[in-house]
Amino acid sequence: MLRAIIFDCDGVIADTEPLHFAALQTVLAEEGIPLGNELYYREYLALDDRGCFIKAFSDRGVALTPQKLNELISRKAAAVEPVMANHLRLFPGAVDLIRRASPRFVLAVASGALRREVELVLRTAGVTDCFKAIVGAEDVARSKPHPDSFLEALARINAGLPNRIDPGECLVVEDSIHGIHSAHAAGMSCLAVTNSYPREMLAEAELVVASLEDLPLVELESLF
């Protein structure tokens, strides 16, 4: 039985991936590291900021100190947050699905973005009150495709619940293959939306849709 839905944020609720890419590209360029669009969407999109910077420097054979890594993350956040505040675009159907689902299921967000960036998206969408838990990049040790963020979201959902929800009763809404692998590693089913990748790249999900618009809840329940 479906009892909880855990949403990714970037690429699912809001079209923020181009904004994150531009900010990451700017900070890396300042460090003398080029990052092209194709490479970003092929290898970086599902990583959190920490993973992106570690990968970019590691691929060039350069080690990062914790202090330098934190500095890079702060610079990237300073670049992306003002743009998000002024140019945020929500995906069609995402807000409606959240509002229709929240009275029937427990909802959470598990994202590779910083928590304050996720909270900005939810405030802009007017759906903050629909979610019991928000998990950002700083809340877990490992990013997707590891299951940490979804398992942490479920742990926060279960806090105070008299009847605990099992991973097998959770549906994850994702837009990337790394996200699908993360959901499955957590023991959860996955709905994938083709906002970032074509359908054939998301075929491992239990259900793949072109949009969240007008998606019947009964169709999600039928997966369980």
C-alpha atoms as a PDB file:
ATOM      1  CA  MET A   1       0.000   0.000   0.000  1.00  0.00           C
ATOM      2  CA  LEU A   2       1.243   3.469  -0.850  1.00  0.00           C
ATOM      3  CA  ARG A   3       1.619   5.582   2.302  1.00  0.00           C
ATOM      4  CA  ALA A   4       4.351   8.124   1.557  1.00  0.00           C
ATOM      5  CA  ILE A   5       5.662  10.029  -1.468  1.00  0.00           C
ATOM      6  CA  ILE A   6       9.178  11.484  -1.498  1.00  0.00           C
ATOM      7  CA  PHE A   7       9.875  14.120  -4.137  1.00  0.00           C
ATOM      8  CA  ASP A   8      13.171  15.166  -5.600  1.00  0.00           C
ATOM      9  CA  CYS A   9      13.182  18.945  -6.082  1.00  0.00           C
ATOM     10  CA  ASP A  10      15.401  20.095  -8.942  1.00  0.00           C
ATOM     11  CA  GLY A  11      14.073  18.732 -12.209  1.00  0.00           C
ATOM     12  CA  VAL A  12      10.843  17.503 -10.592  1.00  0.00           C
ATOM     13  CA  ILE A  13       9.162  20.417  -8.822  1.00  0.00           C
ATOM     14  CA  ALA A  14      11.139  23.291 -10.345  1.00  0.00           C
ATOM     15  CA  ASP A  15      13.177  23.763 -13.506  1.00  0.00           C
ATOM     16  CA  THR A  16      16.304  24.729 -11.586  1.00  0.00           C
ATOM     17  CA  GLU A  17      18.853  22.452 -13.240  1.00  0.00           C
ATOM     18  CA  PRO A  18      19.913  25.118 -15.809  1.00  0.00           C
ATOM     19  CA  LEU A  19      20.374  27.600 -12.945  1.00  0.00           C
ATOM     20  CA  HIS A  20      22.487  25.165 -10.921  1.00  0.00           C
ATOM     21  CA  PHE A  21      24.539  24.328 -14.008  1.00  0.00           C
ATOM     22  CA  ALA A  22      25.238  27.982 -14.777  1.00  0.00           C
ATOM     23  CA  ALA A  23      26.322  28.709 -11.187  1.00  0.00           C
ATOM     24  CA  LEU A  24      28.514  25.601 -11.006  1.00  0.00           C
ATOM     25  CA  GLN A  25      30.032  26.408 -14.399  1.00  0.00           C
ATOM     26  CA  THR A  26      30.860  29.951 -13.230  1.00  0.00           C
ATOM     27  CA  VAL A  27      32.578  28.845 -10.025  1.00  0.00           C
ATOM     28  CA  LEU A  28      34.561  26.112 -11.781  1.00  0.00           C
ATOM     29  CA  ALA A  29      35.622  28.548 -14.519  1.00  0.00           C
ATOM     30  CA  GLU A  30      37.002  30.820 -11.798  1.00  0.00           C
ATOM     31  CA  GLU A  31      39.118  27.835 -10.746  1.00  0.00           C
ATOM     32  CA  GLY A  32      40.281  27.200 -14.318  1.00  0.00           C
ATOM     33  CA  ILE A  33      38.044  24.158 -14.843  1.00  0.00           C
ATOM     34  CA  PRO A  34      35.717  24.173 -17.878  1.00  0.00           C
ATOM     35  CA  LEU A  35      32.359  22.386 -17.698  1.00  0.00           C
ATOM     36  CA  GLY A  36      30.203  21.953 -20.777  1.00  0.00           C
ATOM     37  CA  ASN A  37      26.457  21.351 -20.989  1.00  0.00           C
ATOM     38  CA  GLU A  38      26.722  17.790 -22.325  1.00  0.00           C
ATOM     39  CA  LEU A  39      29.173  16.703 -19.643  1.00  0.00           C
ATOM     40  CA  TYR A  40      27.074  18.276 -16.880  1.00  0.00           C
ATOM     41  CA  TYR A  41      23.883  16.479 -17.880  1.00  0.00           C
ATOM     42  CA  ARG A  42      25.713  13.206 -18.486  1.00  0.00           C
ATOM     43  CA  GLU A  43      27.818  13.019 -15.304  1.00  0.00           C
ATOM     44  CA  TYR A  44      26.988  15.819 -12.854  1.00  0.00           C
ATOM     45  CA  LEU A  45      23.236  16.415 -12.782  1.00  0.00           C
ATOM     46  CA  ALA A  46      22.340  13.886 -10.074  1.00  0.00           C
ATOM     47  CA  LEU A  47      25.263  14.853  -7.798  1.00  0.00           C
ATOM     48  CA  ASP A  48      24.974  17.326  -4.948  1.00  0.00           C
ATOM     49  CA  ASP A  49      27.269  20.369  -4.845  1.00  0.00           C
ATOM     50  CA  ARG A  50      29.826  18.492  -2.769  1.00  0.00           C
ATOM     51  CA  GLY A  51      29.911  15.624  -5.262  1.00  0.00           C
ATOM     52  CA  CYS A  52      30.134  17.984  -8.242  1.00  0.00           C
ATOM     53  CA  PHE A  53      33.167  19.852  -6.935  1.00  0.00           C
ATOM     54  CA  ILE A  54      34.930  16.704  -5.741  1.00  0.00           C
ATOM     55  CA  LYS A  55      34.403  15.101  -9.158  1.00  0.00           C
ATOM     56  CA  ALA A  56      35.522  18.170 -11.114  1.00  0.00           C
ATOM     57  CA  PHE A  57      38.755  18.514  -9.144  1.00  0.00           C
ATOM     58  CA  SER A  58      39.384  14.760  -8.941  1.00  0.00           C
ATOM     59  CA  ASP A  59      39.048  14.409 -12.724  1.00  0.00           C
ATOM     60  CA  ARG A  60      41.895  16.929 -13.000  1.00  0.00           C
ATOM     61  CA  GLY A  61      43.968  15.128 -10.367  1.00  0.00           C
ATOM     62  CA  VAL A  62      43.551  17.874  -7.780  1.00  0.00           C
ATOM     63  CA  ALA A  63      42.681  17.130  -4.153  1.00  0.00           C
ATOM     64  CA  LEU A  64      40.283  19.373  -2.249  1.00  0.00           C
ATOM     65  CA  THR A  65      40.693  20.297   1.399  1.00  0.00           C
ATOM     66  CA  PRO A  66      37.482  20.453   3.443  1.00  0.00           C
ATOM     67  CA  GLN A  67      37.968  24.206   3.780  1.00  0.00           C
ATOM     68  CA  LYS A  68      38.286  24.715   0.017  1.00  0.00           C
ATOM     69  CA  LEU A  69      35.288  22.481  -0.660  1.00  0.00           C
ATOM     70  CA  ASN A  70      33.116  24.468   1.754  1.00  0.00           C
ATOM     71  CA  GLU A  71      34.274  27.695   0.134  1.00  0.00           C
ATOM     72  CA  LEU A  72      33.324  26.447  -3.330  1.00  0.00           C
ATOM     73  CA  ILE A  73      29.890  25.327  -2.132  1.00  0.00           C
ATOM     74  CA  SER A  74      29.292  28.729  -0.537  1.00  0.00           C
ATOM     75  CA  ARG A  75      30.344  30.558  -3.704  1.00  0.00           C
ATOM     76  CA  LYS A  76      28.041  28.421  -5.823  1.00  0.00           C
ATOM     77  CA  ALA A  77      25.109  28.999  -3.438  1.00  0.00           C
ATOM     78  CA  ALA A  78      25.767  32.757  -3.500  1.00  0.00           C
ATOM     79  CA  ALA A  79      25.609  32.634  -7.302  1.00  0.00           C
ATOM     80  CA  VAL A  80      22.475  30.519  -7.691  1.00  0.00           C
ATOM     81  CA  GLU A  81      20.143  31.672  -4.911  1.00  0.00           C
ATOM     82  CA  PRO A  82      19.477  35.242  -6.177  1.00  0.00           C
ATOM     83  CA  VAL A  83      18.754  33.862  -9.649  1.00  0.00           C
ATOM     84  CA  MET A  84      16.405  31.247  -8.217  1.00  0.00           C
ATOM     85  CA  ALA A  85      14.571  33.904  -6.218  1.00  0.00           C
ATOM     86  CA  ASN A  86      13.895  35.992  -9.334  1.00  0.00           C
ATOM     87  CA  HIS A  87      13.659  33.477 -12.178  1.00  0.00           C
ATOM     88  CA  LEU A  88      12.199  30.296 -10.723  1.00  0.00           C
ATOM     89  CA  ARG A  89       9.985  28.249 -13.049  1.00  0.00           C
ATOM     90  CA  LEU A  90       7.813  25.463 -11.672  1.00  0.00           C
ATOM     91  CA  PHE A  91       7.077  22.390 -13.759  1.00  0.00           C
ATOM     92  CA  PRO A  92       3.450  22.015 -14.926  1.00  0.00           C
ATOM     93  CA  GLY A  93       1.439  19.734 -12.677  1.00  0.00           C
ATOM     94  CA  ALA A  94       3.959  19.493  -9.838  1.00  0.00           C
ATOM     95  CA  VAL A  95       2.205  21.845  -7.426  1.00  0.00           C
ATOM     96  CA  ASP A  96      -1.210  20.400  -8.241  1.00  0.00           C
ATOM     97  CA  LEU A  97       0.022  16.841  -7.633  1.00  0.00           C
ATOM     98  CA  ILE A  98       1.565  17.844  -4.302  1.00  0.00           C
ATOM     99  CA  ARG A  99      -1.640  19.517  -3.155  1.00  0.00           C
ATOM    100  CA  ARG A 100      -3.810  16.586  -4.224  1.00  0.00           C
ATOM    101  CA  ALA A 101      -1.487  14.022  -2.637  1.00  0.00           C
ATOM    102  CA  SER A 102      -0.824  15.719   0.703  1.00  0.00           C
ATOM    103  CA  PRO A 103      -4.217  14.960   2.323  1.00  0.00           C
ATOM    104  CA  ARG A 104      -3.862  11.244   1.495  1.00  0.00           C
ATOM    105  CA  PHE A 105      -0.150  10.503   1.865  1.00  0.00           C
ATOM    106  CA  VAL A 106       2.765  11.711   3.958  1.00  0.00           C
ATOM    107  CA  LEU A 107       5.052  13.828   1.756  1.00  0.00           C
ATOM    108  CA  ALA A 108       8.763  14.633   1.955  1.00  0.00           C
ATOM    109  CA  VAL A 109      11.481  16.144  -0.209  1.00  0.00           C
ATOM    110  CA  ALA A 110      14.907  14.527  -0.592  1.00  0.00           C
ATOM    111  CA  SER A 111      17.205  16.649  -2.728  1.00  0.00           C
ATOM    112  CA  GLY A 112      20.850  17.027  -3.632  1.00  0.00           C
ATOM    113  CA  ALA A 113      20.433  20.796  -3.309  1.00  0.00           C
ATOM    114  CA  LEU A 114      21.099  22.691  -0.110  1.00  0.00           C
ATOM    115  CA  ARG A 115      18.114  22.711   2.235  1.00  0.00           C
ATOM    116  CA  ARG A 116      17.689  26.486   2.031  1.00  0.00           C
ATOM    117  CA  GLU A 117      17.485  26.214  -1.771  1.00  0.00           C
ATOM    118  CA  VAL A 118      14.793  23.540  -1.477  1.00  0.00           C
ATOM    119  CA  GLU A 119      12.899  25.668   1.033  1.00  0.00           C
ATOM    120  CA  LEU A 120      13.040  28.611  -1.397  1.00  0.00           C
ATOM    121  CA  VAL A 121      11.443  26.469  -4.110  1.00  0.00           C
ATOM    122  CA  LEU A 122       8.709  25.220  -1.778  1.00  0.00           C
ATOM    123  CA  ARG A 123       7.939  28.744  -0.511  1.00  0.00           C
ATOM    124  CA  THR A 124       7.719  30.042  -4.069  1.00  0.00           C
ATOM    125  CA  ALA A 125       5.400  27.174  -4.976  1.00  0.00           C
ATOM    126  CA  GLY A 126       3.292  27.760  -1.855  1.00  0.00           C
ATOM    127  CA  VAL A 127       3.501  24.115  -0.772  1.00  0.00           C
ATOM    128  CA  THR A 128       5.836  24.161   2.240  1.00  0.00           C
ATOM    129  CA  ASP A 129       3.033  23.081   4.570  1.00  0.00           C
ATOM    130  CA  CYS A 130       2.386  19.974   2.459  1.00  0.00           C
ATOM    131  CA  PHE A 131       5.665  18.346   3.500  1.00  0.00           C
ATOM    132  CA  LYS A 132       6.502  16.655   6.772  1.00  0.00           C
ATOM    133  CA  ALA A 133      10.241  16.413   6.065  1.00  0.00           C
ATOM    134  CA  ILE A 134      12.856  18.171   3.946  1.00  0.00           C
ATOM    135  CA  VAL A 135      16.267  16.573   3.409  1.00  0.00           C
ATOM    136  CA  GLY A 136      19.002  18.599   1.724  1.00  0.00           C
ATOM    137  CA  ALA A 137      22.562  17.858   0.679  1.00  0.00           C
ATOM    138  CA  GLU A 138      23.990  18.824   4.061  1.00  0.00           C
ATOM    139  CA  ASP A 139      21.789  16.283   5.867  1.00  0.00           C
ATOM    140  CA  VAL A 140      23.443  13.136   4.475  1.00  0.00           C
ATOM    141  CA  ALA A 141      26.982  11.832   4.071  1.00  0.00           C
ATOM    142  CA  ARG A 142      26.499  10.410   0.569  1.00  0.00           C
ATOM    143  CA  SER A 143      24.574  11.782  -2.409  1.00  0.00           C
ATOM    144  CA  LYS A 144      22.583   9.861  -5.016  1.00  0.00           C
ATOM    145  CA  PRO A 145      22.859   7.141  -6.322  1.00  0.00           C
ATOM    146  CA  HIS A 146      23.375   6.126  -2.683  1.00  0.00           C
ATOM    147  CA  PRO A 147      20.085   5.672  -0.783  1.00  0.00           C
ATOM    148  CA  ASP A 148      20.987   7.976   2.120  1.00  0.00           C
ATOM    149  CA  SER A 149      18.730  10.926   1.286  1.00  0.00           C
ATOM    150  CA  PHE A 150      15.599   8.823   0.810  1.00  0.00           C
ATOM    151  CA  LEU A 151      16.258   6.759   3.923  1.00  0.00           C
ATOM    152  CA  GLU A 152      16.838   9.942   5.936  1.00  0.00           C
ATOM    153  CA  ALA A 153      13.578  11.376   4.598  1.00  0.00           C
ATOM    154  CA  LEU A 154      11.739   8.231   5.665  1.00  0.00           C
ATOM    155  CA  ALA A 155      13.344   8.348   9.119  1.00  0.00           C
ATOM    156  CA  ARG A 156      12.092  11.911   9.554  1.00  0.00           C
ATOM    157  CA  ILE A 157       8.650  10.950   8.273  1.00  0.00           C
ATOM    158  CA  ASN A 158       8.479   8.130  10.817  1.00  0.00           C
ATOM    159  CA  ALA A 159       9.505  10.327  13.736  1.00  0.00           C
ATOM    160  CA  GLY A 160       6.475  10.404  16.001  1.00  0.00           C
ATOM    161  CA  LEU A 161       4.294   8.200  13.815  1.00  0.00           C
ATOM    162  CA  PRO A 162       2.527   5.435  15.781  1.00  0.00           C
ATOM    163  CA  ASN A 163       2.546   3.128  12.739  1.00  0.00           C
ATOM    164  CA  ARG A 164       5.899   3.276  10.991  1.00  0.00           C
ATOM    165  CA  ILE A 165       6.019   3.446   7.214  1.00  0.00           C
ATOM    166  CA  ASP A 166       8.232   0.867   5.493  1.00  0.00           C
ATOM    167  CA  PRO A 167      10.409   1.639   2.426  1.00  0.00           C
ATOM    168  CA  GLY A 168       8.188  -0.649   0.379  1.00  0.00           C
ATOM    169  CA  GLU A 169       5.266   1.692   1.097  1.00  0.00           C
ATOM    170  CA  CYS A 170       7.077   4.727  -0.366  1.00  0.00           C
ATOM    171  CA  LEU A 171       7.053   6.153  -3.871  1.00  0.00           C
ATOM    172  CA  VAL A 172       9.918   8.374  -5.001  1.00  0.00           C
ATOM    173  CA  VAL A 173       9.391  10.980  -7.737  1.00  0.00           C
ATOM    174  CA  GLU A 174      12.618  11.516  -9.682  1.00  0.00           C
ATOM    175  CA  ASP A 175      13.988  12.832 -12.974  1.00  0.00           C
ATOM    176  CA  SER A 176      17.357  11.046 -13.282  1.00  0.00           C
ATOM    177  CA  ILE A 177      18.766   7.542 -13.518  1.00  0.00           C
ATOM    178  CA  HIS A 178      20.919   8.194 -10.432  1.00  0.00           C
ATOM    179  CA  GLY A 179      17.754   9.117  -8.574  1.00  0.00           C
ATOM    180  CA  ILE A 180      16.031   5.939  -9.701  1.00  0.00           C
ATOM    181  CA  HIS A 181      18.991   3.852  -8.528  1.00  0.00           C
ATOM    182  CA  SER A 182      18.941   5.704  -5.210  1.00  0.00           C
ATOM    183  CA  ALA A 183      15.240   4.993  -4.714  1.00  0.00           C
ATOM    184  CA  HIS A 184      15.655   1.311  -5.526  1.00  0.00           C
ATOM    185  CA  ALA A 185      18.689   1.040  -3.236  1.00  0.00           C
ATOM    186  CA  ALA A 186      16.449   2.388  -0.459  1.00  0.00           C
ATOM    187  CA  GLY A 187      13.870  -0.315  -1.203  1.00  0.00           C
ATOM    188  CA  MET A 188      11.373   2.172  -2.656  1.00  0.00           C
ATOM    189  CA  SER A 189       9.437   2.305  -5.917  1.00  0.00           C
ATOM    190  CA  CYS A 190      10.051   5.139  -8.348  1.00  0.00           C
ATOM    191  CA  LEU A 191       8.017   7.357 -10.647  1.00  0.00           C
ATOM    192  CA  ALA A 192      10.244   9.097 -13.202  1.00  0.00           C
ATOM    193  CA  VAL A 193       9.295  12.212 -15.143  1.00  0.00           C
ATOM    194  CA  THR A 194      11.074  13.042 -18.398  1.00  0.00           C
ATOM    195  CA  ASN A 195      11.946  16.633 -17.519  1.00  0.00           C
ATOM    196  CA  SER A 196      15.710  16.080 -17.767  1.00  0.00           C
ATOM    197  CA  TYR A 197      16.262  12.794 -19.627  1.00  0.00           C
ATOM    198  CA  PRO A 198      14.421  10.882 -22.381  1.00  0.00           C
ATOM    199  CA  ARG A 199      12.069   8.050 -21.482  1.00  0.00           C
ATOM    200  CA  GLU A 200      14.453   5.301 -22.562  1.00  0.00           C
ATOM    201  CA  MET A 201      17.077   6.429 -20.037  1.00  0.00           C
ATOM    202  CA  LEU A 202      14.536   6.215 -17.204  1.00  0.00           C
ATOM    203  CA  ALA A 203      13.111   2.808 -18.079  1.00  0.00           C
ATOM    204  CA  GLU A 204      14.199   1.224 -14.771  1.00  0.00           C
ATOM    205  CA  ALA A 205      11.518   3.218 -12.925  1.00  0.00           C
ATOM    206  CA  GLU A 206       8.225   1.497 -12.150  1.00  0.00           C
ATOM    207  CA  LEU A 207       6.390   4.242 -14.035  1.00  0.00           C
ATOM    208  CA  VAL A 208       7.684   6.861 -16.489  1.00  0.00           C
ATOM    209  CA  VAL A 209       5.580   9.890 -17.431  1.00  0.00           C
ATOM    210  CA  ALA A 210       6.149  12.908 -19.659  1.00  0.00           C
ATOM    211  CA  SER A 211       4.628  15.278 -17.112  1.00  0.00           C
ATOM    212  CA  LEU A 212       3.121  15.314 -13.625  1.00  0.00           C
ATOM    213  CA  GLU A 213       0.185  17.289 -15.008  1.00  0.00           C
ATOM    214  CA  ASP A 214      -3.210  15.614 -14.464  1.00  0.00           C
ATOM    215  CA  LEU A 215      -1.555  12.464 -13.103  1.00  0.00           C
ATOM    216  CA  PRO A 216      -4.249  10.427 -11.286  1.00  0.00           C
ATOM    217  CA  LEU A 217      -3.391   9.386  -7.737  1.00  0.00           C
ATOM    218  CA  VAL A 218      -5.048   6.050  -8.407  1.00  0.00           C
ATOM    219  CA  GLU A 219      -2.348   5.372 -11.007  1.00  0.00           C
ATOM    220  CA  LEU A 220       0.319   5.842  -8.350  1.00  0.00           C
ATOM    221  CA  GLU A 221      -1.538   3.619  -5.893  1.00  0.00           C
ATOM    222  CA  SER A 222      -1.797   0.907  -8.543  1.00  0.00           C
ATOM    223  CA  LEU A 223       1.990   0.473  -8.389  1.00  0.00           C
ATOM    224  CA  PHE A 224       1.642  -1.035  -4.884  1.00  0.00           C
END
